């Protein structure tokens, strides 16, 4: 780029002066000019200046070219900075939710119990934002992620480790504090129905400890694991979390976490517990009924008795299924129900045998789409079992396909395919059972309520994939709890954005991608270049917030205004 003083003749044969800037155009592949400064009539300028105007402005052009040359030379000699010019500003969305929660007073009191010498409230905020922006180890969060936030506090790596441990020591109090913050955003929580499920996380360690214990891993691994129980309210916003050693049963967790929820939040109303078949047991049903609560559990049809299986498959005039169709007339599922009094018994911790009776509604459903999926899985496992039988494989090699095999040798060398088991599994594919205490409700309403349980499974998936809850880079039990608590708090904020800001029109996964991709590059002139690619989601967000986020050039003032965006709650 260079500057030249250009003479041009206009009407009346006057000579005009102007300064133009020349630069090479990659598209046109030759130098082009653009006006830099319009000067005026040369003779009039000479008369005004009392000297030759061309020579006078030639000196100005020479000065511009020298300045430009010096800037290019300085730029070539300037070393790269320790601080990246790339900044994330997409976190303005979760930051707006965090501010809207108005938890300053509660966090001040809770965090005052720690003697960490830094702004602990700001550090907690930065750790949650960093988990959303770029999940990573605490060391990388300190070195790269937190510094990439447009606004952030100052801390040291030891302070991050110490605060993580403190969060773990007090994670139930912190969850209670955030529940108060959620109420500040959306008002009274809806706990008429609560959704509950458990998962676990494996640790790549050789020796287990008191917290990371061997147990049935969701990933079917043999590493020590830690269990996580999660509770969602009726609006599918996280309500509670509990962490427990991997060798403990998940069935007592639903009792513990609901009891804690009621005690902490002073909930006295009736709560309907919704959970999958893994939590369906006599003790949990007894506790729910004894506390004046209800339940909706699923039950495996394959594990039921022969009489129950026959009832599930039966579709006759005396016991008909009712079809539920979509707007195009396609069958979504078929449903039927019956009411009965069931007698249960169990032995409590003291060895006392307890027997009780409850009135229940048993709902059977058949889903054509689920049937197609299940049949494909069954045939694939049956094919695997047949191949392993031919190769005389050991019992441990069969995995899930072992249910379609009969082992006829104690040495696990001889096995035959159990065709009866395969046929029965195919016959029951697509069927499911739901058991509920809500006998006055319509079966379709119970089914719809239970169907929302997939959201809690999706929440676990977000924690494991989008927020990279595993691998865990800390080892102390309290630090592990602190790590999972930070992930849990990040999920809360994403769910509030998804359901209460964007009305579930943008998924949590799409919001996470938006937040991570919204980056700007500092030009050093109080201006930033927006490097985010324009996508349908970017347009959707902008339509809702109307903050000019699609602009290519963003001033510092504009970004600071973005950081003050007020979270708008929508139902």
Protein backbone atom coordinates (compact mmCIF):
# COMPACT_ATOMS: atom_id res chain seq x y z
CA UNK A 1 0.00 0.00 0.00
CA UNK A 2 1.28 3.49 -0.88
CA UNK A 3 0.00 7.04 -1.36
CA UNK A 4 0.34 9.26 -4.44
CA UNK A 5 -0.61 12.86 -5.22
CA UNK A 6 -2.84 12.81 -8.25
CA UNK A 7 -3.63 15.65 -10.74
CA UNK A 8 -6.87 15.48 -12.66
CA UNK A 9 -8.61 17.91 -15.01
CA UNK A 10 -12.27 18.74 -14.61
CA UNK A 11 -14.72 20.86 -16.59
CA UNK A 12 -13.44 24.39 -17.26
CA UNK A 13 -9.91 23.02 -17.70
CA UNK A 14 -9.14 23.41 -13.99
CA UNK A 15 -6.56 21.11 -12.39
CA UNK A 16 -7.66 19.40 -9.22
CA UNK A 17 -5.48 17.68 -6.59
CA UNK A 18 -6.33 14.61 -4.53
CA UNK A 19 -4.41 12.05 -2.51
CA UNK A 20 -5.16 8.45 -3.47
CA UNK A 21 -4.18 5.20 -1.86
CA UNK A 22 -2.97 2.34 -4.05
CA UNK A 23 -3.03 -1.31 -3.04
CA UNK A 24 -2.85 -4.71 -4.74
CA UNK A 25 -6.17 -6.50 -5.29
CA UNK A 26 -5.84 -10.32 -5.10
CA UNK A 27 -9.19 -10.70 -6.89
CA UNK A 28 -8.28 -8.43 -9.84
CA UNK A 29 -4.57 -9.32 -9.67
CA UNK A 30 -3.38 -5.73 -10.23
CA UNK A 31 -3.08 -2.49 -8.25
CA UNK A 32 -6.22 -0.46 -7.68
CA UNK A 33 -6.75 3.03 -6.30
CA UNK A 34 -9.18 4.55 -3.86
CA UNK A 35 -9.61 8.14 -2.72
CA UNK A 36 -7.83 8.93 0.55
CA UNK A 37 -8.24 12.73 0.69
CA UNK A 38 -9.84 15.27 -1.67
CA UNK A 39 -7.83 18.55 -1.80
CA UNK A 40 -9.43 20.84 -4.44
CA UNK A 41 -8.49 23.24 -7.28
CA UNK A 42 -4.69 23.45 -7.60
CA UNK A 43 -4.57 27.17 -8.47
CA UNK A 44 -6.96 28.14 -5.67
CA UNK A 45 -4.92 26.07 -3.21
CA UNK A 46 -1.66 27.74 -4.37
CA UNK A 47 -3.21 31.19 -3.91
CA UNK A 48 -4.46 30.26 -0.44
CA UNK A 49 -1.14 28.71 0.67
CA UNK A 50 1.09 31.34 -0.94
CA UNK A 51 3.23 28.61 -2.45
CA UNK A 52 3.07 25.84 -5.05
CA UNK A 53 0.23 23.60 -3.87
CA UNK A 54 1.55 20.53 -5.69
CA UNK A 55 4.95 20.72 -3.99
CA UNK A 56 3.30 21.47 -0.65
CA UNK A 57 1.03 18.41 -0.71
CA UNK A 58 3.80 16.28 -2.23
CA UNK A 59 5.59 16.63 1.10
CA UNK A 60 2.44 15.47 2.93
CA UNK A 61 2.24 12.40 0.68
CA UNK A 62 5.92 11.62 1.28
CA UNK A 63 5.28 11.82 5.06
CA UNK A 64 2.34 9.41 4.74
CA UNK A 65 4.50 6.94 2.81
CA UNK A 66 7.31 7.17 5.37
CA UNK A 67 4.87 6.58 8.21
CA UNK A 68 3.37 3.60 6.39
CA UNK A 69 6.85 2.15 5.77
CA UNK A 70 7.79 2.57 9.45
CA UNK A 71 4.58 0.84 10.56
CA UNK A 72 5.29 -2.10 8.25
CA UNK A 73 8.84 -2.33 9.55
CA UNK A 74 7.66 -2.21 13.18
CA UNK A 75 5.06 -4.88 12.46
CA UNK A 76 7.72 -7.16 10.95
CA UNK A 77 9.99 -6.72 13.98
CA UNK A 78 7.25 -7.13 16.58
CA UNK A 79 7.33 -10.49 18.34
CA UNK A 80 4.20 -12.48 19.04
CA UNK A 81 2.51 -11.73 22.34
CA UNK A 82 2.13 -14.09 25.30
CA UNK A 83 -1.57 -13.25 25.21
CA UNK A 84 -3.64 -14.53 22.29
CA UNK A 85 -5.54 -11.83 20.37
CA UNK A 86 -8.42 -14.32 20.06
CA UNK A 87 -11.14 -13.78 22.67
CA UNK A 88 -14.33 -15.68 23.37
CA UNK A 89 -17.42 -13.50 23.76
CA UNK A 90 -20.00 -16.22 23.13
CA UNK A 91 -20.13 -16.86 26.87
CA UNK A 92 -22.14 -13.63 27.19
CA UNK A 93 -25.22 -15.91 27.09
CA UNK A 94 -24.39 -18.15 30.11
CA UNK A 95 -22.90 -15.07 31.79
CA UNK A 96 -26.29 -13.33 31.47
CA UNK A 97 -28.03 -16.32 33.10
CA UNK A 98 -25.46 -16.37 35.92
CA UNK A 99 -26.04 -12.67 36.64
CA UNK A 100 -29.82 -13.10 36.49
CA UNK A 101 -29.63 -15.76 39.22
CA UNK A 102 -28.60 -13.01 41.72
CA UNK A 103 -26.72 -15.30 44.11
CA UNK A 104 -24.11 -12.80 45.34
CA UNK A 105 -25.29 -12.70 48.97
CA UNK A 106 -25.53 -16.49 49.30
CA UNK A 107 -22.21 -17.10 47.53
CA UNK A 108 -20.47 -14.48 49.68
CA UNK A 109 -21.56 -16.27 52.85
CA UNK A 110 -20.78 -19.77 51.55
CA UNK A 111 -17.38 -18.89 50.04
CA UNK A 112 -16.33 -16.86 53.09
CA UNK A 113 -15.67 -20.21 54.80
CA UNK A 114 -12.68 -20.69 52.51
CA UNK A 115 -9.39 -18.86 53.16
CA UNK A 116 -8.39 -18.74 49.48
CA UNK A 117 -6.86 -15.30 48.85
CA UNK A 118 -8.61 -14.25 45.63
CA UNK A 119 -12.01 -13.18 44.37
CA UNK A 120 -13.61 -16.60 44.98
CA UNK A 121 -16.98 -15.59 43.59
CA UNK A 122 -15.39 -14.44 40.31
CA UNK A 123 -13.25 -17.58 40.15
CA UNK A 124 -16.31 -19.83 40.58
CA UNK A 125 -17.99 -17.93 37.75
CA UNK A 126 -14.90 -18.27 35.53
CA UNK A 127 -14.61 -22.03 36.17
CA UNK A 128 -18.26 -22.59 35.17
CA UNK A 129 -17.87 -20.41 32.05
CA UNK A 130 -14.60 -22.16 31.13
CA UNK A 131 -16.31 -25.57 31.39
CA UNK A 132 -18.91 -24.40 28.85
CA UNK A 133 -16.48 -22.58 26.55
CA UNK A 134 -13.77 -25.24 26.39
CA UNK A 135 -13.90 -28.19 28.82
CA UNK A 136 -10.39 -29.17 29.84
CA UNK A 137 -8.10 -29.84 32.77
CA UNK A 138 -7.82 -27.23 35.53
CA UNK A 139 -4.27 -26.47 34.35
CA UNK A 140 -5.36 -25.77 30.80
CA UNK A 141 -8.34 -23.78 32.06
CA UNK A 142 -5.91 -21.59 34.00
CA UNK A 143 -3.36 -21.20 31.18
CA UNK A 144 -5.62 -20.90 28.12
CA UNK A 145 -9.38 -20.98 28.62
CA UNK A 146 -9.98 -18.43 31.39
CA UNK A 147 -7.55 -15.91 29.77
CA UNK A 148 -9.53 -16.29 26.51
CA UNK A 149 -12.71 -14.97 28.18
CA UNK A 150 -13.27 -11.34 27.25
CA UNK A 151 -13.62 -10.47 30.94
CA UNK A 152 -12.19 -12.60 33.72
CA UNK A 153 -10.67 -12.41 37.18
CA UNK A 154 -7.11 -13.01 38.37
CA UNK A 155 -6.10 -16.20 40.11
CA UNK A 156 -3.33 -18.76 40.40
CA UNK A 157 -3.41 -22.46 39.51
CA UNK A 158 -3.15 -23.55 43.19
CA UNK A 159 -6.16 -21.33 43.95
CA UNK A 160 -8.16 -23.13 41.22
CA UNK A 161 -7.27 -26.51 42.71
CA UNK A 162 -8.11 -25.31 46.21
CA UNK A 163 -11.47 -23.84 45.18
CA UNK A 164 -12.35 -27.05 43.30
CA UNK A 165 -11.72 -29.01 46.46
CA UNK A 166 -13.76 -26.56 48.54
CA UNK A 167 -16.65 -26.87 46.06
CA UNK A 168 -16.51 -30.65 46.46
CA UNK A 169 -16.56 -30.44 50.25
CA UNK A 170 -19.67 -28.24 50.09
CA UNK A 171 -21.31 -29.35 46.85
CA UNK A 172 -24.76 -29.92 48.34
CA UNK A 173 -24.76 -26.40 49.82
CA UNK A 174 -23.68 -25.00 46.46
CA UNK A 175 -26.46 -26.90 44.67
CA UNK A 176 -28.94 -25.50 47.20
CA UNK A 177 -27.58 -22.00 46.50
CA UNK A 178 -27.99 -22.45 42.75
CA UNK A 179 -31.52 -23.78 43.28
CA UNK A 180 -32.27 -20.48 45.00
CA UNK A 181 -30.74 -18.72 42.01
CA UNK A 182 -32.91 -20.73 39.58
CA UNK A 183 -35.99 -19.67 41.54
CA UNK A 184 -34.87 -16.05 41.12
CA UNK A 185 -34.92 -16.63 37.35
CA UNK A 186 -38.06 -18.71 36.76
CA UNK A 187 -40.03 -18.39 39.99
CA UNK A 188 -41.39 -21.34 41.94
CA UNK A 189 -40.02 -24.71 40.82
CA UNK A 190 -42.51 -27.25 39.51
CA UNK A 191 -41.95 -30.43 41.54
CA UNK A 192 -45.26 -32.19 40.90
CA UNK A 193 -43.25 -34.57 38.73
CA UNK A 194 -39.52 -35.16 39.19
CA UNK A 195 -37.32 -37.21 36.88
CA UNK A 196 -34.57 -39.36 38.33
CA UNK A 197 -31.79 -41.46 36.86
CA UNK A 198 -28.22 -42.54 37.59
CA UNK A 199 -25.03 -42.94 35.61
CA UNK A 200 -21.39 -43.56 36.40
CA UNK A 201 -17.95 -42.47 35.24
CA UNK A 202 -14.93 -44.72 34.97
CA UNK A 203 -11.41 -43.75 36.02
CA UNK A 204 -8.32 -45.04 34.25
CA UNK A 205 -6.54 -46.06 37.44
CA UNK A 206 -5.14 -49.44 38.48
CA UNK A 207 -6.00 -49.35 42.19
CA UNK A 208 -9.41 -48.35 43.55
CA UNK A 209 -9.91 -46.25 46.68
CA UNK A 210 -12.77 -45.54 49.10
CA UNK A 211 -14.65 -43.42 46.52
CA UNK A 212 -13.63 -44.82 43.13
CA UNK A 213 -14.78 -48.41 43.47
CA UNK A 214 -15.29 -51.35 41.06
CA UNK A 215 -18.88 -51.63 39.87
CA UNK A 216 -21.12 -52.14 36.81
CA UNK A 217 -19.88 -49.48 34.37
CA UNK A 218 -22.25 -47.93 31.82
CA UNK A 219 -19.40 -48.24 29.30
CA UNK A 220 -18.96 -51.92 30.27
CA UNK A 221 -15.41 -51.32 31.45
CA UNK A 222 -13.66 -52.89 34.44
CA UNK A 223 -12.09 -49.69 35.80
CA UNK A 224 -13.11 -48.21 39.18
CA UNK A 225 -16.16 -45.95 38.85
CA UNK A 226 -18.03 -43.17 40.64
CA UNK A 227 -21.85 -43.02 40.57
CA UNK A 228 -23.88 -39.90 39.87
CA UNK A 229 -27.60 -39.54 40.63
CA UNK A 230 -29.47 -36.70 38.97
CA UNK A 231 -32.91 -35.23 39.64
CA UNK A 232 -34.83 -32.93 37.25
CA UNK A 233 -37.94 -30.91 38.01
CA UNK A 234 -41.11 -31.09 35.90
CA UNK A 235 -39.66 -28.46 33.53
CA UNK A 236 -36.56 -30.66 33.06
CA UNK A 237 -34.26 -28.19 34.86
CA UNK A 238 -31.72 -29.94 37.16
CA UNK A 239 -32.94 -29.98 40.74
CA UNK A 240 -30.43 -32.09 42.62
CA UNK A 241 -27.33 -34.26 42.30
CA UNK A 242 -25.67 -36.84 44.48
CA UNK A 243 -22.29 -38.54 44.04
CA UNK A 244 -21.57 -41.95 45.58
CA UNK A 245 -18.94 -44.74 45.46
CA UNK A 246 -19.13 -46.92 42.39
CA UNK A 247 -19.78 -50.17 44.28
CA UNK A 248 -23.00 -48.88 45.87
CA UNK A 249 -26.45 -49.68 44.49
CA UNK A 250 -28.19 -46.82 42.73
CA UNK A 251 -31.61 -47.77 44.13
CA UNK A 252 -31.21 -46.00 47.54
CA UNK A 253 -30.09 -42.81 45.79
CA UNK A 254 -33.59 -41.85 44.66
CA UNK A 255 -34.75 -41.95 48.29
CA UNK A 256 -31.78 -39.96 49.52
CA UNK A 257 -31.82 -37.25 46.88
CA UNK A 258 -35.58 -36.64 47.04
CA UNK A 259 -35.40 -36.46 50.84
CA UNK A 260 -32.57 -33.90 50.60
CA UNK A 261 -34.52 -31.89 48.02
CA UNK A 262 -37.57 -31.69 50.27
CA UNK A 263 -35.56 -30.78 53.35
CA UNK A 264 -33.43 -28.14 51.65
CA UNK A 265 -36.17 -26.46 49.65
CA UNK A 266 -38.96 -27.01 52.21
CA UNK A 267 -41.14 -28.83 49.65
CA UNK A 268 -44.22 -30.29 51.28
CA UNK A 269 -46.42 -31.10 48.29
CA UNK A 270 -46.90 -34.49 46.68
CA UNK A 271 -44.12 -35.50 44.30
CA UNK A 272 -44.44 -38.10 41.54
CA UNK A 273 -41.11 -39.86 41.01
CA UNK A 274 -40.39 -40.85 37.42
CA UNK A 275 -37.56 -43.32 36.85
CA UNK A 276 -36.57 -46.26 34.68
CA UNK A 277 -36.70 -49.95 35.58
CA UNK A 278 -33.32 -49.84 37.34
CA UNK A 279 -34.93 -47.93 40.23
CA UNK A 280 -38.07 -50.05 40.36
CA UNK A 281 -37.99 -52.01 43.65
CA UNK A 282 -40.29 -52.73 46.59
CA UNK A 283 -38.30 -50.52 48.99
CA UNK A 284 -38.51 -47.44 46.73
CA UNK A 285 -42.24 -47.97 46.18
CA UNK A 286 -42.75 -48.35 49.96
CA UNK A 287 -40.80 -45.14 50.71
CA UNK A 288 -42.71 -43.15 48.09
CA UNK A 289 -46.11 -44.28 49.36
CA UNK A 290 -45.10 -43.79 53.02
CA UNK A 291 -44.05 -40.19 52.27
CA UNK A 292 -47.32 -39.42 50.52
CA UNK A 293 -45.62 -39.40 47.10
CA UNK A 294 -46.33 -41.29 43.90
CA UNK A 295 -44.24 -43.05 41.28
CA UNK A 296 -44.01 -43.92 37.61
CA UNK A 297 -41.55 -46.72 36.84
CA UNK A 298 -40.92 -48.84 33.80
CA UNK A 299 -40.63 -52.60 33.98
CA UNK A 300 -38.86 -55.06 31.69
CA UNK A 301 -41.30 -57.22 29.75
CA UNK A 302 -38.60 -59.83 29.11
CA UNK A 303 -38.09 -60.27 32.86
CA UNK A 304 -41.80 -60.59 33.64
CA UNK A 305 -43.67 -63.85 34.31
CA UNK A 306 -45.36 -65.86 31.57
CA UNK A 307 -48.85 -64.65 32.51
CA UNK A 308 -47.66 -61.03 32.32
CA UNK A 309 -45.99 -61.57 28.95
CA UNK A 310 -49.16 -63.07 27.52
CA UNK A 311 -51.22 -60.11 28.74
CA UNK A 312 -48.76 -57.68 27.17
CA UNK A 313 -48.95 -59.44 23.76
CA UNK A 314 -52.71 -59.97 23.87
CA UNK A 315 -54.72 -57.64 21.63
CA UNK A 316 -58.33 -58.81 21.58
CA UNK A 317 -61.83 -57.43 21.89
CA UNK A 318 -61.76 -58.14 25.64
CA UNK A 319 -58.29 -56.62 26.10
CA UNK A 320 -57.68 -54.22 23.21
CA UNK A 321 -54.80 -51.86 22.48
CA UNK A 322 -55.74 -48.30 21.53
CA UNK A 323 -53.76 -46.70 18.72
CA UNK A 324 -52.27 -43.22 19.17
CA UNK A 325 -51.53 -41.56 15.83
CA UNK A 326 -49.66 -38.47 14.68
CA UNK A 327 -51.18 -35.68 12.57
CA UNK A 328 -50.44 -37.65 9.39
CA UNK A 329 -52.35 -40.70 10.60
CA UNK A 330 -49.23 -42.78 11.29
CA UNK A 331 -49.34 -44.95 14.44
CA UNK A 332 -46.96 -43.60 17.08
CA UNK A 333 -47.73 -46.29 19.63
CA UNK A 334 -50.47 -48.58 20.95
CA UNK A 335 -51.50 -48.56 24.61
CA UNK A 336 -53.69 -50.42 27.10
CA UNK A 337 -53.92 -50.63 30.88
CA UNK A 338 -55.33 -52.45 33.88
CA UNK A 339 -55.66 -51.66 37.58
CA UNK A 340 -54.83 -54.07 40.36
CA UNK A 341 -53.73 -54.36 43.98
CA UNK A 342 -50.17 -55.67 44.29
CA UNK A 343 -48.54 -57.07 47.42
CA UNK A 344 -44.82 -56.36 47.98
CA UNK A 345 -42.31 -57.42 50.59
CA UNK A 346 -38.70 -56.57 51.38
CA UNK A 347 -36.16 -56.71 54.21
CA UNK A 348 -34.87 -53.41 55.61
CA UNK A 349 -31.37 -52.61 56.91
CA UNK A 350 -32.17 -53.97 60.39
CA UNK A 351 -33.31 -57.32 58.97
CA UNK A 352 -36.99 -56.63 59.58
CA UNK A 353 -39.36 -58.07 56.95
CA UNK A 354 -41.92 -55.57 55.69
CA UNK A 355 -45.00 -56.45 53.64
CA UNK A 356 -47.46 -53.96 52.14
CA UNK A 357 -50.10 -53.65 49.43
CA UNK A 358 -50.64 -50.84 46.91
CA UNK A 359 -53.17 -50.08 44.18
CA UNK A 360 -51.41 -49.67 40.86
CA UNK A 361 -52.10 -49.11 37.21
CA UNK A 362 -50.10 -51.28 34.83
CA UNK A 363 -49.71 -49.79 31.33
CA UNK A 364 -48.54 -51.79 28.31
CA UNK A 365 -47.34 -50.01 25.18
CA UNK A 366 -46.15 -51.08 21.75
CA UNK A 367 -44.02 -48.80 19.55
CA UNK A 368 -43.52 -49.81 15.89
CA UNK A 369 -40.32 -47.77 15.58
CA UNK A 370 -38.90 -49.29 18.77
CA UNK A 371 -39.86 -52.76 17.53
CA UNK A 372 -37.88 -52.27 14.31
CA UNK A 373 -34.85 -51.03 16.24
CA UNK A 374 -34.98 -53.86 18.81
CA UNK A 375 -35.39 -56.58 16.16
CA UNK A 376 -32.31 -55.32 14.34
CA UNK A 377 -30.32 -55.45 17.60
CA UNK A 378 -31.60 -58.94 18.48
CA UNK A 379 -30.72 -60.40 15.07
CA UNK A 380 -27.28 -58.82 15.21
CA UNK A 381 -26.61 -60.32 18.67
CA UNK A 382 -28.00 -63.70 17.56
CA UNK A 383 -25.64 -63.70 14.58
CA UNK A 384 -22.72 -62.89 16.87
CA UNK A 385 -23.74 -65.68 19.27
CA UNK A 386 -23.90 -68.21 16.41
CA UNK A 387 -20.39 -67.33 15.24
CA UNK A 388 -18.98 -67.59 18.78
CA UNK A 389 -20.63 -70.97 19.26
CA UNK A 390 -18.98 -72.26 16.08
CA UNK A 391 -15.58 -71.05 17.26
CA UNK A 392 -16.01 -72.59 20.74
CA UNK A 393 -15.53 -69.20 22.40
CA UNK A 394 -15.39 -68.78 26.16
CA UNK A 395 -18.41 -67.52 28.12
CA UNK A 396 -16.69 -64.17 28.83
CA UNK A 397 -16.48 -63.40 25.09
CA UNK A 398 -20.23 -63.46 24.43
CA UNK A 399 -21.20 -60.25 26.25
CA UNK A 400 -24.87 -59.29 25.72
CA UNK A 401 -25.31 -62.05 23.14
CA UNK A 402 -24.97 -64.68 25.92
CA UNK A 403 -28.73 -64.48 26.60
CA UNK A 404 -29.29 -66.21 23.26
CA UNK A 405 -26.92 -69.09 24.08
CA UNK A 406 -27.20 -72.27 26.14
CA UNK A 407 -23.89 -73.36 27.67
CA UNK A 408 -23.77 -77.16 27.82
CA UNK A 409 -20.21 -77.57 29.03
CA UNK A 410 -18.75 -76.61 32.39
CA UNK A 411 -15.51 -75.71 30.63
CA UNK A 412 -17.36 -73.00 28.62
CA UNK A 413 -16.09 -74.53 25.42
CA UNK A 414 -19.34 -76.06 24.15
CA UNK A 415 -22.40 -73.84 23.61
CA UNK A 416 -25.44 -73.85 21.34
CA UNK A 417 -27.72 -71.08 20.10
CA UNK A 418 -30.96 -70.84 22.08
CA UNK A 419 -33.47 -70.29 19.27
CA UNK A 420 -36.42 -70.19 21.70
CA UNK A 421 -34.87 -67.23 23.52
CA UNK A 422 -34.32 -65.45 20.20
CA UNK A 423 -37.91 -66.06 19.09
CA UNK A 424 -39.30 -64.81 22.41
CA UNK A 425 -37.16 -61.66 22.25
CA UNK A 426 -38.38 -60.96 18.69
CA UNK A 427 -42.00 -61.51 19.76
CA UNK A 428 -41.67 -59.00 22.61
CA UNK A 429 -39.65 -56.39 20.65
CA UNK A 430 -41.28 -52.95 20.86
CA UNK A 431 -43.36 -53.74 23.97
CA UNK A 432 -42.84 -51.93 27.25
CA UNK A 433 -44.57 -51.74 30.63
CA UNK A 434 -45.08 -48.80 32.96
CA UNK A 435 -46.18 -49.16 36.57
CA UNK A 436 -47.69 -46.18 38.40
CA UNK A 437 -49.46 -45.25 41.59
CA UNK A 438 -51.50 -42.63 39.68
CA UNK A 439 -54.51 -44.83 38.97
CA UNK A 440 -56.83 -41.86 38.32
CA UNK A 441 -54.71 -40.49 35.48
CA UNK A 442 -55.23 -41.34 31.82
CA UNK A 443 -52.74 -43.96 30.54
CA UNK A 444 -51.71 -41.68 27.67
CA UNK A 445 -50.89 -38.89 30.16
CA UNK A 446 -48.75 -41.30 32.21
CA UNK A 447 -46.98 -42.45 29.04
CA UNK A 448 -46.25 -38.83 27.99
CA UNK A 449 -44.89 -38.05 31.45
CA UNK A 450 -42.65 -41.12 31.44
CA UNK A 451 -41.48 -40.38 27.90
CA UNK A 452 -39.89 -37.13 29.14
CA UNK A 453 -37.38 -39.29 31.01
CA UNK A 454 -35.22 -39.22 27.87
CA UNK A 455 -34.31 -35.61 28.76
CA UNK A 456 -32.41 -36.75 31.85
CA UNK A 457 -30.55 -39.24 29.68
CA UNK A 458 -29.78 -36.38 27.31
CA UNK A 459 -28.52 -34.36 30.30
CA UNK A 460 -26.05 -37.11 31.16
CA UNK A 461 -24.99 -37.19 27.51
CA UNK A 462 -24.36 -33.42 27.55
CA UNK A 463 -22.22 -33.77 30.67
CA UNK A 464 -20.23 -36.63 29.17
CA UNK A 465 -19.82 -35.27 25.64
CA UNK A 466 -20.36 -31.50 25.40
CA UNK A 467 -18.87 -30.76 28.84
CA UNK A 468 -16.29 -33.59 28.87
CA UNK A 469 -17.00 -34.61 32.46
CA UNK A 470 -14.58 -37.49 31.83
CA UNK A 471 -11.57 -37.85 31.89
CA UNK A 472 -11.15 -36.39 35.35
CA UNK A 473 -7.76 -34.77 35.98
CA UNK A 474 -8.03 -34.61 39.79
CA UNK A 475 -7.61 -37.44 42.31
CA UNK A 476 -8.74 -36.31 45.78
CA UNK A 477 -12.35 -37.28 46.56
CA UNK A 478 -13.45 -33.71 47.29
CA UNK A 479 -11.73 -32.46 44.13
CA UNK A 480 -13.55 -35.12 42.08
CA UNK A 481 -16.85 -34.01 43.61
CA UNK A 482 -15.92 -30.39 42.89
CA UNK A 483 -15.19 -31.23 39.26
CA UNK A 484 -18.57 -32.93 38.74
CA UNK A 485 -20.33 -30.09 40.57
CA UNK A 486 -18.84 -27.55 38.14
CA UNK A 487 -20.11 -29.71 35.25
CA UNK A 488 -23.54 -29.89 36.92
CA UNK A 489 -23.71 -26.09 37.34
CA UNK A 490 -22.78 -25.66 33.68
CA UNK A 491 -25.65 -27.99 32.69
CA UNK A 492 -28.10 -25.93 34.78
CA UNK A 493 -27.17 -22.77 32.89
CA UNK A 494 -27.37 -24.46 29.48
CA UNK A 495 -30.81 -25.88 30.30
CA UNK A 496 -32.10 -22.47 31.44
CA UNK A 497 -30.88 -20.99 28.16
CA UNK A 498 -32.43 -23.80 26.15
CA UNK A 499 -35.84 -23.94 27.82
CA UNK A 500 -36.37 -20.43 29.23
CA UNK A 501 -34.56 -18.12 26.81
CA UNK A 502 -34.90 -19.91 23.47
CA UNK A 503 -38.06 -21.93 24.28
CA UNK A 504 -36.41 -25.23 23.30
CA UNK A 505 -36.10 -24.06 19.67
CA UNK A 506 -32.31 -24.36 19.97
CA UNK A 507 -30.82 -27.46 21.60
CA UNK A 508 -28.23 -27.38 24.38
CA UNK A 509 -25.70 -28.89 21.95
CA UNK A 510 -26.35 -26.13 19.39
CA UNK A 511 -26.08 -23.46 22.10
CA UNK A 512 -22.77 -24.92 23.26
CA UNK A 513 -21.39 -24.81 19.71
CA UNK A 514 -22.60 -21.21 19.32
CA UNK A 515 -20.93 -20.14 22.57
CA UNK A 516 -17.63 -21.80 21.63
CA UNK A 517 -17.55 -20.48 18.06
CA UNK A 518 -18.39 -16.86 18.88
CA UNK A 519 -14.83 -15.51 19.02
CA UNK A 520 -13.28 -12.19 18.05
CA UNK A 521 -9.72 -11.18 17.16
CA UNK A 522 -8.27 -8.06 18.74
CA UNK A 523 -6.89 -5.66 16.09
CA UNK A 524 -5.13 -3.52 18.71
CA UNK A 525 -7.23 -0.48 17.77
CA UNK A 526 -10.16 -0.97 20.17
CA UNK A 527 -11.82 -2.95 17.41
CA UNK A 528 -12.38 -6.68 17.05
CA UNK A 529 -13.00 -8.87 14.02
CA UNK A 530 -15.86 -11.35 14.47
CA UNK A 531 -14.53 -14.75 13.33
CA UNK A 532 -17.79 -16.67 13.89
CA UNK A 533 -19.24 -18.32 10.78
CA UNK A 534 -22.80 -17.29 9.93
CA UNK A 535 -25.16 -20.26 10.40
CA UNK A 536 -28.92 -20.76 10.89
CA UNK A 537 -28.37 -21.02 14.66
CA UNK A 538 -26.44 -17.72 14.66
CA UNK A 539 -29.40 -16.10 12.89
CA UNK A 540 -31.85 -17.68 15.36
CA UNK A 541 -29.93 -16.35 18.37
CA UNK A 542 -29.71 -12.87 16.87
CA UNK A 543 -33.46 -12.82 16.16
CA UNK A 544 -34.10 -13.43 19.86
CA UNK A 545 -31.48 -11.16 21.47
CA UNK A 546 -31.17 -8.43 18.77
CA UNK A 547 -27.65 -7.37 19.82
CA UNK A 548 -25.84 -7.11 16.47
CA UNK A 549 -23.86 -10.32 16.98
CA UNK A 550 -23.53 -10.92 13.22
CA UNK A 551 -21.46 -7.77 12.62
CA UNK A 552 -17.99 -8.37 11.19
CA UNK A 553 -16.37 -5.45 13.03
CA UNK A 554 -17.18 -5.10 16.72
CA UNK A 555 -16.01 -2.20 18.86
CA UNK A 556 -14.96 -2.63 22.48
CA UNK A 557 -17.97 -0.58 23.53
CA UNK A 558 -20.30 -2.90 21.61
CA UNK A 559 -18.78 -6.00 23.20
CA UNK A 560 -19.05 -4.51 26.69
CA UNK A 561 -22.73 -3.83 25.96
CA UNK A 562 -23.07 -7.48 24.89
CA UNK A 563 -21.55 -8.59 28.21
CA UNK A 564 -24.34 -6.68 29.98
CA UNK A 565 -27.08 -8.46 28.02
CA UNK A 566 -30.08 -9.14 30.26
CA UNK A 567 -31.38 -12.69 30.25
CA UNK A 568 -35.04 -12.71 29.25
CA UNK A 569 -37.14 -15.50 30.76
CA UNK A 570 -39.74 -17.08 28.50
CA UNK A 571 -42.13 -19.91 29.34
